[in-house]
Protein backbone atom coordinates (compact mmCIF):
# COMPACT_ATOMS: atom_id res chain seq x y z
CA MET A 1 94.48 79.99 137.74
CA ASP A 2 93.72 76.82 135.79
CA ARG A 3 94.66 76.89 132.20
CA LEU A 4 91.95 76.24 129.44
CA VAL A 5 92.42 75.91 125.74
CA VAL A 6 89.89 76.60 123.19
CA ILE A 7 90.47 74.74 119.72
CA ALA A 8 88.13 76.42 117.14
CA ASN A 9 87.17 75.63 113.64
CA PRO A 10 86.31 79.26 112.05
CA VAL A 11 84.54 77.22 108.93
CA ALA A 12 81.87 75.58 111.12
CA SER A 13 78.52 76.31 109.92
CA GLN A 14 77.25 78.41 112.95
CA PHE A 15 80.53 79.77 113.89
CA THR A 16 81.20 83.52 114.00
CA GLY A 17 83.77 85.96 115.33
CA GLY A 18 81.53 87.39 117.88
CA ALA A 19 80.66 84.16 119.44
CA HIS A 20 84.14 82.95 119.49
CA ARG A 21 84.81 86.56 121.38
CA ASP A 22 82.12 86.27 123.64
CA VAL A 23 83.23 82.40 124.44
CA MET A 24 86.89 83.57 125.11
CA SER A 25 85.54 86.54 127.32
CA THR A 26 83.39 84.41 129.53
CA LEU A 27 86.04 81.57 130.07
CA SER A 28 88.65 84.35 130.72
CA LYS A 29 86.82 85.05 133.80
CA THR A 30 87.44 81.59 135.60
CA TYR A 31 90.44 80.80 133.48
CA ASP A 32 93.88 81.34 131.73
CA VAL A 33 92.59 81.27 128.33
CA GLU A 34 94.72 80.22 125.25
CA ALA A 35 92.78 80.28 121.45
CA ILE A 36 94.43 77.74 119.01
CA TRP A 37 93.53 77.88 115.46
CA PRO A 38 94.17 74.52 113.77
CA GLY A 39 94.62 74.29 109.89
CA SER A 40 93.65 70.75 109.43
CA ALA A 41 92.08 67.91 111.45
CA ALA A 42 95.66 66.42 112.45
CA GLU A 43 96.61 69.98 113.64
CA ALA A 44 93.57 69.98 116.01
CA THR A 45 94.29 66.74 117.36
CA GLU A 46 97.80 67.62 117.83
CA ALA A 47 97.12 70.68 119.64
CA ALA A 48 94.84 68.79 121.92
CA ARG A 49 97.55 66.22 122.69
CA ARG A 50 100.28 68.78 123.41
CA SER A 51 97.74 70.75 125.69
CA ALA A 52 96.79 67.49 127.75
CA LYS A 53 100.77 66.77 128.02
CA ASP A 54 101.21 70.24 129.12
CA GLY A 55 98.75 69.86 131.97
CA VAL A 56 95.82 71.75 130.50
CA SER A 57 92.77 71.53 132.52
CA ILE A 58 90.12 71.70 130.03
CA VAL A 59 90.68 71.53 126.24
CA VAL A 60 87.40 73.01 124.39
CA ALA A 61 86.49 72.04 121.07
CA MET A 62 84.49 74.96 119.56
CA GLY A 63 82.99 73.73 116.32
CA GLY A 64 81.03 71.08 114.88
CA ASP A 65 81.06 66.82 115.63
CA GLY A 66 84.29 66.62 113.62
CA MET A 67 86.12 68.98 115.79
CA VAL A 68 84.91 67.33 119.01
CA HIS A 69 85.69 63.81 117.28
CA HIS A 70 89.58 65.15 116.47
CA VAL A 71 90.22 67.04 119.87
CA ALA A 72 88.69 64.19 121.95
CA GLN A 73 91.28 61.71 120.15
CA ALA A 74 93.94 63.03 122.37
CA LEU A 75 91.90 63.59 125.29
CA VAL A 76 90.89 59.65 125.64
CA GLY A 77 92.69 58.35 128.97
CA SER A 78 94.05 61.67 130.02
CA GLU A 79 93.82 63.89 132.77
CA SER A 80 92.40 66.62 130.62
CA THR A 81 88.72 67.58 130.42
CA LEU A 82 86.82 67.93 127.16
CA GLY A 83 84.42 70.94 127.00
CA ILE A 84 82.19 71.23 124.02
CA VAL A 85 80.95 74.61 122.38
CA PRO A 86 78.65 73.48 119.46
CA VAL A 87 78.66 75.29 116.20
CA GLY A 88 78.37 72.93 113.81
CA THR A 89 75.25 71.68 111.72
CA THR A 90 73.95 68.90 113.74
CA ASN A 91 75.98 68.90 116.78
CA VAL A 92 74.98 65.35 117.48
CA VAL A 93 77.50 64.85 120.41
CA ALA A 94 76.14 68.07 122.51
CA ARG A 95 72.81 66.58 122.01
CA LEU A 96 73.32 63.01 123.06
CA LEU A 97 75.15 64.68 126.43
CA ASN A 98 72.10 67.02 126.77
CA LEU A 99 74.87 70.10 126.75
CA PRO A 100 73.46 73.50 125.80
CA LYS A 101 72.94 74.47 122.27
CA ARG A 102 73.89 78.04 122.07
CA ALA A 103 77.76 79.09 122.34
CA SER A 104 77.00 81.51 125.03
CA LYS A 105 75.20 79.03 127.56
CA ALA A 106 77.90 76.53 126.69
CA ALA A 107 80.76 78.75 127.59
CA ARG A 108 79.05 79.62 130.83
CA LEU A 109 78.61 75.98 131.78
CA ILE A 110 82.34 75.34 131.14
CA ALA A 111 83.45 78.39 133.05
CA THR A 112 81.18 76.94 136.29
CA PRO A 113 83.69 74.43 138.32
CA SER A 114 81.82 71.16 138.68
CA PRO A 115 83.29 67.70 138.37
CA PRO A 116 83.43 66.02 135.09
CA ARG A 117 81.25 63.32 133.80
CA ILE A 118 83.48 60.48 132.89
CA ILE A 119 82.05 58.35 129.65
CA GLY A 120 82.78 55.67 127.79
CA VAL A 121 83.90 55.43 123.85
CA ALA A 122 84.37 52.68 121.25
CA THR A 123 87.92 52.22 120.62
CA LEU A 124 88.93 51.32 116.89
CA THR A 125 91.63 49.16 116.04
CA LEU A 126 92.04 49.51 112.15
CA ILE A 127 94.34 47.64 110.10
CA ARG A 128 95.23 48.61 106.10
CA GLY A 129 98.13 46.69 104.66
CA THR A 130 100.55 46.45 107.36
CA THR A 131 99.53 49.65 109.05
CA GLU A 132 97.61 49.52 112.04
CA THR A 133 96.05 52.59 113.80
CA ILE A 134 93.92 53.28 116.90
CA HIS A 135 90.80 55.57 116.91
CA HIS A 136 88.20 56.57 119.41
CA ALA A 137 84.68 57.04 118.31
CA ILE A 138 82.42 59.27 120.84
CA PHE A 139 79.01 58.63 119.65
CA ALA A 140 78.88 55.88 116.47
CA CYS A 141 80.91 54.29 114.18
CA GLY A 142 80.07 52.15 110.59
CA PHE A 143 81.75 50.22 107.85
CA GLY A 144 80.36 50.12 104.36
CA LEU A 145 77.04 52.02 103.74
CA ASP A 146 77.07 54.89 106.07
CA ALA A 147 80.79 55.40 105.91
CA GLU A 148 80.23 55.76 102.03
CA VAL A 149 77.52 58.12 102.56
CA VAL A 150 79.87 60.55 104.67
CA ILE A 151 82.34 60.43 101.99
CA GLU A 152 79.67 61.16 99.33
CA ALA A 153 78.24 64.16 101.50
CA ASP A 154 81.70 65.34 101.84
CA ARG A 155 82.00 65.91 98.10
CA ASP A 156 79.64 68.80 98.58
CA PRO A 157 80.52 70.96 101.55
CA TYR A 158 78.23 73.72 100.97
CA ARG A 159 75.00 71.59 100.97
CA LYS A 160 76.39 69.75 104.14
CA TYR A 161 76.76 73.18 105.79
CA ARG A 162 73.50 74.54 104.22
CA PHE A 163 71.09 71.54 104.35
CA GLY A 164 72.53 69.40 107.18
CA SER A 165 70.20 66.51 107.66
CA ILE A 166 68.33 66.84 104.52
CA HIS A 167 71.73 66.46 102.28
CA TYR A 168 72.73 63.33 104.21
CA ALA A 169 69.23 61.64 103.81
CA ARG A 170 69.43 62.60 100.28
CA THR A 171 72.75 61.36 99.73
CA ALA A 172 71.96 57.95 101.84
CA PHE A 173 69.09 57.42 99.61
CA GLY A 174 71.38 57.99 96.51
CA VAL A 175 73.92 55.76 97.57
CA GLY A 176 71.40 53.09 98.71
CA ILE A 177 69.79 53.03 95.58
CA LYS A 178 72.55 53.60 93.14
CA THR A 179 75.66 51.74 94.75
CA PHE A 180 74.58 48.99 97.30
CA PRO A 181 71.94 46.89 95.55
CA SER A 182 75.00 45.15 93.62
CA ARG A 183 77.25 44.99 96.39
CA ARG A 184 77.71 41.44 97.82
CA PRO A 185 78.80 40.62 101.00
CA HIS A 186 82.49 41.02 101.47
CA LEU A 187 82.86 41.26 105.44
CA ASP A 188 83.13 38.53 107.95
CA VAL A 189 82.06 39.94 110.98
CA VAL A 190 82.40 38.24 114.49
CA SER A 191 81.06 38.98 118.16
CA GLY A 192 81.40 36.21 120.85
CA ASP A 193 79.37 33.35 119.25
CA GLN A 194 77.71 35.65 116.47
CA SER A 195 79.12 35.66 113.06
CA SER A 196 77.87 36.63 109.65
CA ARG A 197 78.64 37.81 106.19
CA ALA A 198 77.78 41.45 105.39
CA THR A 199 78.09 44.50 103.02
CA SER A 200 77.95 46.90 106.31
CA VAL A 201 77.85 47.17 109.98
CA LEU A 202 77.00 49.90 112.17
CA VAL A 203 77.58 50.18 115.83
CA GLN A 204 75.53 52.11 118.22
CA PHE A 205 76.79 52.86 121.90
CA ARG A 206 74.56 55.91 123.08
CA ASP A 207 70.77 56.26 123.20
CA THR A 208 71.01 57.73 119.88
CA TYR A 209 72.82 56.67 116.58
CA THR A 210 72.57 59.93 115.13
CA TYR A 211 69.30 62.32 114.16
CA PHE A 212 67.59 63.35 111.23
CA GLY A 213 66.91 66.64 111.84
CA LYS A 214 65.26 66.62 115.51
CA ILE A 215 64.31 63.08 115.09
CA PRO A 216 66.64 60.72 116.83
CA ILE A 217 67.81 57.35 114.81
CA THR A 218 68.45 54.02 116.72
CA LEU A 219 69.41 50.70 115.61
CA ALA A 220 67.35 48.79 118.29
CA SER A 221 64.70 49.21 120.45
CA ASP A 222 66.41 49.17 123.52
CA PRO A 223 69.36 51.37 124.54
CA PRO A 224 72.94 49.90 123.70
CA ASP A 225 74.34 47.87 126.59
CA PRO A 226 77.20 48.62 126.04
CA MET A 227 76.92 48.35 122.21
CA THR A 228 74.62 47.42 119.37
CA ALA A 229 75.50 46.34 115.90
CA LEU A 230 73.50 46.29 112.97
CA VAL A 231 74.85 43.68 110.20
CA LEU A 232 73.50 44.38 107.06
CA GLY A 233 73.86 41.70 104.31
CA ARG A 234 72.51 42.15 100.90
CA LEU A 235 70.65 45.90 100.42
CA ARG A 236 67.36 45.31 98.18
CA ARG A 237 66.07 48.31 96.68
CA ARG A 238 62.60 46.95 97.73
CA ARG A 239 63.59 47.18 101.59
CA ILE A 240 64.84 50.56 101.42
CA PRO A 241 61.61 52.38 102.16
CA GLN A 242 60.90 49.87 104.88
CA ILE A 243 64.28 50.37 106.49
CA ALA A 244 63.69 54.28 106.48
CA ILE A 245 60.20 53.74 107.95
CA ASN A 246 61.69 51.56 110.82
CA ALA A 247 64.62 53.79 111.46
CA LEU A 248 62.27 56.87 111.95
CA SER A 249 59.78 55.35 114.05
CA LYS A 250 62.14 53.61 115.92
CA ARG A 251 60.84 50.02 114.96
CA SER A 252 63.29 47.12 115.01
CA LEU A 253 65.17 47.03 111.88
CA GLY A 254 66.23 43.42 113.16
CA ALA A 255 62.73 42.47 111.81
CA ILE A 256 64.08 43.26 108.25
CA ASP A 257 65.08 40.24 106.07
CA GLU A 258 69.08 40.25 105.57
CA ILE A 259 69.43 42.66 108.71
CA GLU A 260 70.54 41.40 111.96
CA VAL A 261 70.70 43.30 115.32
CA TRP A 262 73.25 42.23 117.72
CA GLU A 263 72.94 43.46 121.13
CA ALA A 264 75.05 43.38 124.59
CA VAL A 265 77.93 43.39 122.28
CA LYS A 266 81.73 44.52 124.00
CA THR A 267 83.82 43.42 121.60
CA LEU A 268 83.19 43.00 117.16
CA SER A 269 85.69 42.29 114.70
CA LEU A 270 85.60 42.27 111.04
CA LYS A 271 87.73 41.22 107.98
CA ALA A 272 87.32 42.86 104.84
CA ASP A 273 88.03 41.62 101.02
CA PRO A 274 88.02 43.95 99.27
CA PRO A 275 88.72 46.79 102.02
CA VAL A 276 85.87 48.56 103.49
CA ALA A 277 85.26 52.31 103.96
CA ILE A 278 84.73 53.51 107.74
CA GLN A 279 83.71 56.50 109.54
CA ALA A 280 83.75 57.48 113.17
CA ASP A 281 81.50 60.42 114.31
CA GLY A 282 80.51 61.44 110.84
CA GLU A 283 84.33 61.70 109.81
CA SER A 284 85.77 59.39 107.28
CA LEU A 285 88.92 57.22 108.22
CA GLY A 286 89.74 55.93 104.91
CA MET A 287 89.63 52.14 104.19
CA VAL A 288 90.59 49.12 106.21
CA ASP A 289 91.26 45.35 105.44
CA ALA A 290 90.38 44.34 109.16
CA ALA A 291 89.05 46.05 112.22
CA LYS A 292 88.15 45.48 116.25
CA VAL A 293 85.57 47.86 117.82
CA GLU A 294 85.87 47.31 121.58
CA TRP A 295 84.05 49.40 124.51
CA THR A 296 86.31 51.15 126.83
CA ALA A 297 84.42 52.29 129.81
CA ARG A 298 85.19 55.61 131.56
CA ALA A 299 87.82 56.60 129.28
CA LEU A 300 86.77 60.45 128.42
CA ARG A 301 86.22 63.31 130.98
CA VAL A 302 83.75 65.74 129.71
CA VAL A 303 82.60 69.23 131.03
CA GLY A 304 78.80 69.14 132.23
CA ALA A 305 77.89 66.18 130.60
């Protein structure tokens, strides 16, 4: 019997003990199942890395997008397959990959043997001082504005779990109104023969960048191939309403002054002075002096995707 590990986050907004027991019961009919309860994001990644090294067939992330992100870090490039049981607030990864929304249905899908889908990821090389680290983004990443929105939204975890997209929207509006209009471009951004000075860069490589409730938010009219980058110069207060309208209605953001949309991006590099905040999949990765974002095709095996 193949081995399967479930790495669960019991404080995810939709997590319940009953749901976890049902998931374990369903999966145990097909696999030799082990449950792991990490105490931190780093422990979740380490548990997944250890499982992949030990030859575990499927490593299941039971939680929100944060748990999926941290488990996936250890599975990129491995022979282990990522399973997803979405019990978070927004569950962007599960929605993008058209996976079941309910834990019980997700477990039944994982318990049904089938060839995995192999998807690409964005590989981030991040530099702060003399330290270089590698991370992988599963659905989106950003430098500057949206990374600072993530940091600010995480300051109030209750509102984050209780109000989800509305909390993020309110936080984004607040950061955009209060902080960024005075921010001058401090990022040197380069991709191929394109270059610009910016305050923020957002990178999309799935059909949707993120969601506002059920409404998909995109950076460009066409799907990314493989990546699309939004490069934001100065953020003027008077332009914030138009940015919101265009984002919600899938109109081109590149039509707005001081916003550039770069398409068909394979590699993007930036240097920041002073350092810039970065997020991947809605998880803050701190501050960086420089970074490179590269598309890595066929990097991650996913159940049922």
